[in-house]
Amino acid sequence: MPYLFFFLFPLLLFAEVEMITRTQVLMGTYVSIALEAEQNAQITHAFEHIKQIEASLSNYDSDASLSKLNATHRIDHDPLLAEALSLSVVYYNQTNGYFDVTIGSISKELYHFGEDKTFSPSKEALKAAHLDIHGIHINPQSISTEANISIDLGGMGKGYGADKVAAYLKEQNISKGIIALSGDVRCLHRCEIDLQSPYSEQTFATIQSKHPNLSVSTSGTYRRFATTKAEHHLINPKTARQGCEFVSVSLFTTANNSQIDAYATAISVMPRDKALSFLKDMQGIAYVLVDKKGKILYGNTKDLIEIRWLDYKENASKESKSVRAETNETIAKSFIHPDTSHPKEIIK
């Protein structure tokens, strides 16, 4: 049975307002920002914020703060990196260790995800990899890690970038627009998002937000992998093995992309029962999951989103009677952002 996968298609709901969308390659992916045409200067400044975040959090740029930290294990204090790492410790605790940025000791040092050539590490090498969130030390003067630790912020960095741009636009009193960093999207206004299979152009569900400032994060096992497709980039830090219960995880909440970016990463590698229990307790986070057998599971939608299931050969795990809310506003599709194996391929 073929699996279902997700693409994100935000549908912009505006009342006859001319919008412009600009896209740049940043943070190893496509970054798109759509605002009203008269706010083009703010889009430029928003991209500058993303570039600053990339200069702090990137693993690909040898001049970036995180790259230097992984190489030398001690750098001068970088406020953006320090904040991202501090949040990562919080998310580690909230997910009972299933979100662990020291996974870089496996994802970067052994598999070499994001580089021109990836590898298939031995079981012995995976077992010997050292992960320890407590090996990160932050103080007002410096950031340091233990010598055998490597950090990978790919599981929350794009969400963090979306949050920072949203905060900047709020300071500019901008309340209509969309920020998209690959699968991490922030709708400043009420919006719609289509879920589509990557193997066809068929959309199987439409998500409509009930409130402004909807944050969306999607994570899947079908994008990045090493020498075989089984060696995808979502690795359980507790076992050093790839997560296998869900092929796609999409989360929805209000105004916190970095959190659900981290949560989506964690849920992708959790055992099934732990993932569903975790989500059941998170009433402020709606979810749509596709498991390894192609079954769709969803929940916590009542206060956040409405789902309209479309005609598709795979059905949801329970009926949904949601319908699209009435609107007189125009609708246009935008932000189709496939991810890729590594940033250099995006540039090509």
Protein backbone atom coordinates (compact mmCIF):
# COMPACT_ATOMS: atom_id res chain seq x y z
CA MET A 1 0.00 0.00 0.00
CA PRO A 2 1.51 3.36 -0.96
CA TYR A 3 2.25 5.76 1.86
CA LEU A 4 0.91 9.26 2.18
CA PHE A 5 3.24 12.20 2.52
CA PHE A 6 2.82 15.91 3.09
CA PHE A 7 3.63 19.05 1.24
CA LEU A 8 2.51 22.38 2.71
CA PHE A 9 0.51 24.76 0.57
CA PRO A 10 -0.51 27.85 2.53
CA LEU A 11 -3.49 29.54 0.93
CA LEU A 12 -3.37 33.28 1.54
CA LEU A 13 -6.69 34.81 2.56
CA PHE A 14 -6.72 38.52 1.81
CA ALA A 15 -9.44 41.01 0.95
CA GLU A 16 -8.26 42.37 -2.41
CA VAL A 17 -4.83 43.33 -1.10
CA GLU A 18 -1.91 43.06 -3.48
CA MET A 19 0.69 40.72 -2.02
CA ILE A 20 4.27 40.08 -3.03
CA THR A 21 6.26 36.95 -2.30
CA ARG A 22 10.04 36.83 -2.31
CA THR A 23 12.19 33.73 -1.92
CA GLN A 24 15.84 33.25 -1.02
CA VAL A 25 18.01 30.22 -0.30
CA LEU A 26 18.92 30.48 3.38
CA MET A 27 19.44 28.07 6.29
CA GLY A 28 19.84 25.19 3.84
CA THR A 29 16.37 25.58 2.33
CA TYR A 30 14.00 27.90 0.49
CA VAL A 31 12.82 30.79 2.63
CA SER A 32 9.75 32.66 1.35
CA ILE A 33 8.06 35.71 2.83
CA ALA A 34 4.79 37.20 1.57
CA LEU A 35 3.57 40.62 2.69
CA GLU A 36 1.57 43.47 1.22
CA ALA A 37 3.27 45.08 -1.75
CA GLU A 38 3.99 48.30 0.13
CA GLN A 39 5.95 46.31 2.73
CA ASN A 40 8.75 45.20 0.41
CA ALA A 41 11.35 46.93 2.61
CA GLN A 42 10.19 44.88 5.60
CA ILE A 43 10.66 41.70 3.56
CA THR A 44 14.24 42.77 2.91
CA HIS A 45 14.84 43.34 6.61
CA ALA A 46 13.21 39.99 7.43
CA PHE A 47 15.68 38.21 5.17
CA GLU A 48 18.48 40.04 6.95
CA HIS A 49 17.23 38.57 10.24
CA ILE A 50 17.32 35.09 8.72
CA LYS A 51 20.88 35.68 7.50
CA GLN A 52 21.93 36.66 11.02
CA ILE A 53 20.35 33.50 12.41
CA GLU A 54 22.10 31.41 9.76
CA ALA A 55 25.43 33.02 10.72
CA SER A 56 24.85 31.77 14.25
CA LEU A 57 23.13 28.39 13.83
CA SER A 58 24.55 26.97 10.59
CA ASN A 59 26.44 23.69 10.45
CA TYR A 60 27.33 24.26 6.79
CA ASP A 61 29.14 27.59 6.95
CA SER A 62 32.55 27.18 8.59
CA ASP A 63 32.39 30.81 9.76
CA ALA A 64 29.08 30.32 11.57
CA SER A 65 29.12 30.25 15.37
CA LEU A 66 27.75 26.71 15.64
CA SER A 67 30.29 25.38 13.14
CA LYS A 68 33.08 26.98 15.15
CA LEU A 69 31.66 25.58 18.38
CA ASN A 70 31.59 22.05 16.93
CA ALA A 71 35.16 22.46 15.68
CA THR A 72 36.74 24.07 18.75
CA HIS A 73 34.19 23.32 21.54
CA ARG A 74 34.46 26.86 22.89
CA ILE A 75 33.46 30.21 21.39
CA ASP A 76 32.63 33.71 22.59
CA HIS A 77 29.03 34.19 23.64
CA ASP A 78 26.63 34.43 20.69
CA PRO A 79 23.16 35.57 21.84
CA LEU A 80 21.22 33.84 19.06
CA LEU A 81 23.06 30.55 19.42
CA ALA A 82 22.80 30.73 23.21
CA GLU A 83 19.04 31.26 23.01
CA ALA A 84 18.56 28.42 20.52
CA LEU A 85 20.61 26.05 22.67
CA SER A 86 18.77 27.09 25.84
CA LEU A 87 15.43 26.41 24.13
CA SER A 88 16.77 23.07 22.95
CA VAL A 89 17.49 22.05 26.55
CA VAL A 90 13.88 22.95 27.44
CA TYR A 91 12.56 20.86 24.54
CA TYR A 92 14.84 17.98 25.54
CA ASN A 93 13.22 17.93 28.97
CA GLN A 94 9.70 18.35 27.62
CA THR A 95 10.10 15.41 25.21
CA ASN A 96 11.83 13.17 27.75
CA GLY A 97 15.04 13.26 25.73
CA TYR A 98 13.61 12.35 22.33
CA PHE A 99 14.64 15.77 21.05
CA ASP A 100 18.38 16.02 21.59
CA VAL A 101 20.55 18.47 19.64
CA THR A 102 23.67 16.51 20.56
CA ILE A 103 22.42 14.04 17.93
CA GLY A 104 24.99 15.83 15.78
CA SER A 105 27.50 13.29 17.08
CA ILE A 106 25.58 10.84 14.87
CA SER A 107 23.85 12.91 12.18
CA LYS A 108 26.86 15.10 11.39
CA GLU A 109 29.93 13.20 12.57
CA LEU A 110 28.90 9.73 11.35
CA TYR A 111 26.25 10.06 8.62
CA HIS A 112 27.46 13.51 7.45
CA PHE A 113 23.92 14.64 6.54
CA GLY A 114 23.95 17.92 4.64
CA GLU A 115 27.36 17.31 3.09
CA ASP A 116 28.31 16.33 -0.45
CA LYS A 117 28.95 12.73 0.55
CA THR A 118 27.08 10.75 3.21
CA PHE A 119 28.16 7.53 4.88
CA SER A 120 26.67 4.43 6.48
CA PRO A 121 28.28 4.11 9.91
CA SER A 122 28.87 0.76 11.55
CA LYS A 123 26.81 -0.46 14.48
CA GLU A 124 29.90 -0.13 16.62
CA ALA A 125 30.39 3.52 15.65
CA LEU A 126 26.73 4.31 16.33
CA LYS A 127 26.90 2.62 19.71
CA ALA A 128 30.05 4.53 20.63
CA ALA A 129 28.67 7.97 19.66
CA HIS A 130 28.48 10.27 22.67
CA LEU A 131 25.29 12.28 23.23
CA ASP A 132 24.86 14.42 26.31
CA ILE A 133 22.66 17.51 26.48
CA HIS A 134 24.30 18.33 29.81
CA GLY A 135 27.63 18.66 28.01
CA ILE A 136 26.54 22.09 26.70
CA HIS A 137 27.63 25.01 28.88
CA ILE A 138 26.42 28.60 28.39
CA ASN A 139 27.50 31.66 30.33
CA PRO A 140 27.54 35.41 29.59
CA GLN A 141 31.08 35.23 28.24
CA SER A 142 31.18 31.98 26.28
CA ILE A 143 29.50 28.84 24.98
CA SER A 144 31.31 25.51 25.28
CA THR A 145 30.72 21.80 24.80
CA GLU A 146 32.50 18.69 25.91
CA ALA A 147 35.15 17.53 23.47
CA ASN A 148 33.24 14.52 22.12
CA ILE A 149 29.94 16.31 21.47
CA SER A 150 28.67 17.71 18.19
CA ILE A 151 25.48 19.79 17.98
CA ASP A 152 22.89 19.69 15.21
CA LEU A 153 20.15 22.36 15.41
CA GLY A 154 18.40 21.17 12.25
CA GLY A 155 15.49 19.88 14.34
CA MET A 156 14.48 23.33 15.58
CA GLY A 157 16.49 25.97 13.69
CA LYS A 158 13.99 26.72 10.95
CA GLY A 159 11.19 27.04 13.48
CA TYR A 160 13.41 29.37 15.50
CA GLY A 161 13.97 31.45 12.36
CA ALA A 162 10.23 31.68 11.70
CA ASP A 163 9.64 32.86 15.27
CA LYS A 164 12.30 35.57 15.00
CA VAL A 165 10.94 36.92 11.72
CA ALA A 166 7.39 36.88 13.10
CA ALA A 167 8.56 38.84 16.15
CA TYR A 168 10.23 41.43 13.90
CA LEU A 169 7.09 41.81 11.75
CA LYS A 170 4.98 42.21 14.88
CA GLU A 171 7.25 45.08 15.93
CA GLN A 172 6.48 46.63 12.54
CA ASN A 173 2.72 46.33 13.23
CA ILE A 174 2.32 43.86 10.37
CA SER A 175 -0.51 41.39 10.87
CA LYS A 176 -1.00 39.93 7.36
CA GLY A 177 1.56 37.69 5.74
CA ILE A 178 3.21 34.31 5.68
CA ILE A 179 6.74 33.20 6.57
CA ALA A 180 7.85 29.81 5.25
CA LEU A 181 11.13 28.01 5.83
CA SER A 182 10.60 24.70 4.07
CA GLY A 183 8.10 22.82 6.26
CA ASP A 184 8.02 25.47 8.98
CA VAL A 185 5.34 28.07 8.29
CA ARG A 186 3.91 30.99 10.26
CA CYS A 187 0.64 32.54 9.10
CA LEU A 188 0.28 36.01 10.62
CA HIS A 189 -3.39 36.05 9.67
CA ARG A 190 -5.96 33.26 9.33
CA CYS A 191 -4.91 31.00 6.49
CA GLU A 192 -5.46 27.66 4.81
CA ILE A 193 -2.95 24.90 4.19
CA ASP A 194 -3.34 22.01 1.77
CA LEU A 195 -1.79 18.60 2.42
CA GLN A 196 -0.66 16.81 -0.71
CA SER A 197 1.06 13.60 -1.72
CA PRO A 198 4.55 14.15 -3.19
CA TYR A 199 3.99 11.26 -5.60
CA SER A 200 1.12 13.06 -7.31
CA GLU A 201 -0.48 16.47 -7.45
CA GLN A 202 -3.49 15.28 -5.49
CA THR A 203 -4.47 17.16 -2.35
CA PHE A 204 -6.15 14.99 0.28
CA ALA A 205 -6.95 17.55 3.00
CA THR A 206 -7.34 21.27 3.55
CA ILE A 207 -6.46 22.77 6.93
CA GLN A 208 -7.98 26.10 7.95
CA SER A 209 -6.74 28.03 10.96
CA LYS A 210 -9.28 29.32 13.45
CA HIS A 211 -6.97 32.07 14.71
CA PRO A 212 -4.20 34.34 13.42
CA ASN A 213 -0.57 33.46 14.10
CA LEU A 214 -0.88 29.79 13.23
CA SER A 215 2.44 27.97 13.44
CA VAL A 216 2.92 24.85 11.32
CA SER A 217 5.75 22.34 11.32
CA THR A 218 6.09 19.19 9.27
CA SER A 219 8.67 16.43 9.57
CA GLY A 220 9.05 13.32 7.46
CA THR A 221 11.29 10.33 6.88
CA TYR A 222 11.13 10.55 3.08
CA ARG A 223 13.39 13.52 2.30
CA ARG A 224 16.91 13.09 3.60
CA PHE A 225 18.75 9.82 3.79
CA ALA A 226 22.32 8.54 3.60
CA THR A 227 23.35 5.69 1.30
CA THR A 228 20.02 3.86 1.61
CA LYS A 229 16.48 5.19 2.09
CA ALA A 230 16.25 3.31 5.38
CA GLU A 231 19.01 5.55 6.70
CA HIS A 232 16.92 8.71 6.89
CA HIS A 233 17.89 11.72 8.97
CA LEU A 234 15.37 11.31 11.83
CA ILE A 235 17.31 9.33 14.41
CA ASN A 236 16.18 8.27 17.87
CA PRO A 237 18.85 9.64 20.25
CA LYS A 238 18.09 6.88 22.76
CA THR A 239 18.79 4.00 20.36
CA ALA A 240 20.86 5.61 17.55
CA ARG A 241 18.35 4.07 15.13
CA GLN A 242 16.03 5.71 12.64
CA GLY A 243 12.45 6.40 13.70
CA CYS A 244 10.08 4.05 11.87
CA GLU A 245 6.52 4.49 13.20
CA PHE A 246 5.52 7.61 11.26
CA VAL A 247 6.43 8.68 7.75
CA SER A 248 5.04 12.16 8.25
CA VAL A 249 4.23 14.41 11.21
CA SER A 250 2.46 17.78 10.88
CA LEU A 251 1.83 19.91 13.96
CA PHE A 252 -0.20 23.10 14.38
CA THR A 253 -0.20 25.59 17.24
CA THR A 254 -0.30 29.35 17.84
CA ALA A 255 2.85 31.46 17.66
CA ASN A 256 5.58 28.99 18.58
CA ASN A 257 7.32 27.46 15.58
CA SER A 258 10.52 26.48 17.35
CA GLN A 259 8.61 24.40 19.88
CA ILE A 260 6.56 22.40 17.39
CA ASP A 261 9.58 22.08 15.08
CA ALA A 262 11.37 20.33 17.95
CA TYR A 263 8.27 18.36 18.89
CA ALA A 264 7.75 17.16 15.30
CA THR A 265 11.35 15.92 15.28
CA ALA A 266 10.86 14.12 18.58
CA ILE A 267 7.52 12.54 17.63
CA SER A 268 9.06 11.24 14.41
CA VAL A 269 11.47 9.07 16.41
CA MET A 270 9.30 8.12 19.41
CA PRO A 271 7.72 4.69 19.76
CA ARG A 272 4.11 4.85 18.59
CA ASP A 273 2.48 4.61 22.02
CA LYS A 274 4.74 7.28 23.51
CA ALA A 275 4.12 9.63 20.56
CA LEU A 276 0.34 9.34 20.75
CA SER A 277 0.35 9.73 24.52
CA PHE A 278 2.58 12.79 24.23
CA LEU A 279 0.28 14.40 21.67
CA LYS A 280 -2.86 13.58 23.64
CA ASP A 281 -1.47 15.57 26.56
CA MET A 282 -0.63 18.57 24.34
CA GLN A 283 -4.06 20.13 24.01
CA GLY A 284 -2.61 23.31 22.51
CA ILE A 285 -1.09 21.41 19.60
CA ALA A 286 -3.15 19.87 16.79
CA TYR A 287 -1.64 17.08 14.73
CA VAL A 288 -2.02 15.11 11.52
CA LEU A 289 0.15 11.99 11.32
CA VAL A 290 0.70 9.33 8.70
CA ASP A 291 1.96 6.05 10.09
CA LYS A 292 4.16 3.50 8.33
CA LYS A 293 1.09 1.66 6.97
CA GLY A 294 -0.36 4.80 5.41
CA LYS A 295 -3.04 5.37 8.07
CA ILE A 296 -3.90 8.98 8.88
CA LEU A 297 -4.31 9.92 12.55
CA TYR A 298 -5.26 13.34 13.83
CA GLY A 299 -6.43 15.12 16.97
CA ASN A 300 -6.56 18.21 19.22
CA THR A 301 -8.07 20.14 16.33
CA LYS A 302 -11.18 21.65 17.96
CA ASP A 303 -9.74 24.97 19.13
CA LEU A 304 -7.03 25.43 16.48
CA ILE A 305 -7.92 24.19 13.01
CA GLU A 306 -10.65 22.76 10.84
CA ILE A 307 -9.88 19.86 8.50
CA ARG A 308 -11.74 19.23 5.26
CA TRP A 309 -10.97 15.76 3.93
CA LEU A 310 -10.94 15.59 0.17
CA ASP A 311 -11.60 12.65 -2.14
CA TYR A 312 -8.55 10.42 -1.75
CA LYS A 313 -8.01 6.66 -1.81
CA GLU A 314 -6.66 6.74 1.77
CA ASN A 315 -9.19 7.74 4.43
CA ALA A 316 -8.74 9.40 7.80
CA SER A 317 -8.87 7.17 10.87
CA LYS A 318 -12.21 8.69 11.86
CA GLU A 319 -14.85 10.81 10.18
CA SER A 320 -14.48 14.56 10.07
CA LYS A 321 -17.50 16.78 9.49
CA SER A 322 -15.46 19.96 9.34
CA VAL A 323 -16.19 22.32 6.49
CA ARG A 324 -14.34 25.32 5.19
CA ALA A 325 -15.40 28.51 6.92
CA GLU A 326 -17.26 31.07 4.86
CA THR A 327 -15.02 33.76 3.47
CA ASN A 328 -15.37 36.53 0.92
CA GLU A 329 -11.64 36.91 0.62
CA THR A 330 -9.62 35.90 -2.41
CA ILE A 331 -7.51 32.77 -2.27
CA ALA A 332 -4.16 32.18 -3.94
CA LYS A 333 -1.74 29.29 -3.59
CA SER A 334 1.87 29.86 -2.66
CA PHE A 335 4.90 28.41 -0.87
CA ILE A 336 5.61 25.04 -2.39
CA HIS A 337 8.88 24.17 -0.68
CA PRO A 338 10.31 20.70 -1.12
CA ASP A 339 13.27 20.00 1.12
CA THR A 340 16.43 18.41 -0.24
CA SER A 341 19.37 16.26 0.76
CA HIS A 342 21.75 19.13 1.36
CA PRO A 343 21.96 22.90 0.82
CA LYS A 344 24.28 22.78 -2.17
CA GLU A 345 21.66 20.84 -4.13
CA ILE A 346 19.12 23.59 -3.44
CA ILE A 347 21.51 26.21 -4.81
CA LYS A 348 21.97 24.11 -7.96
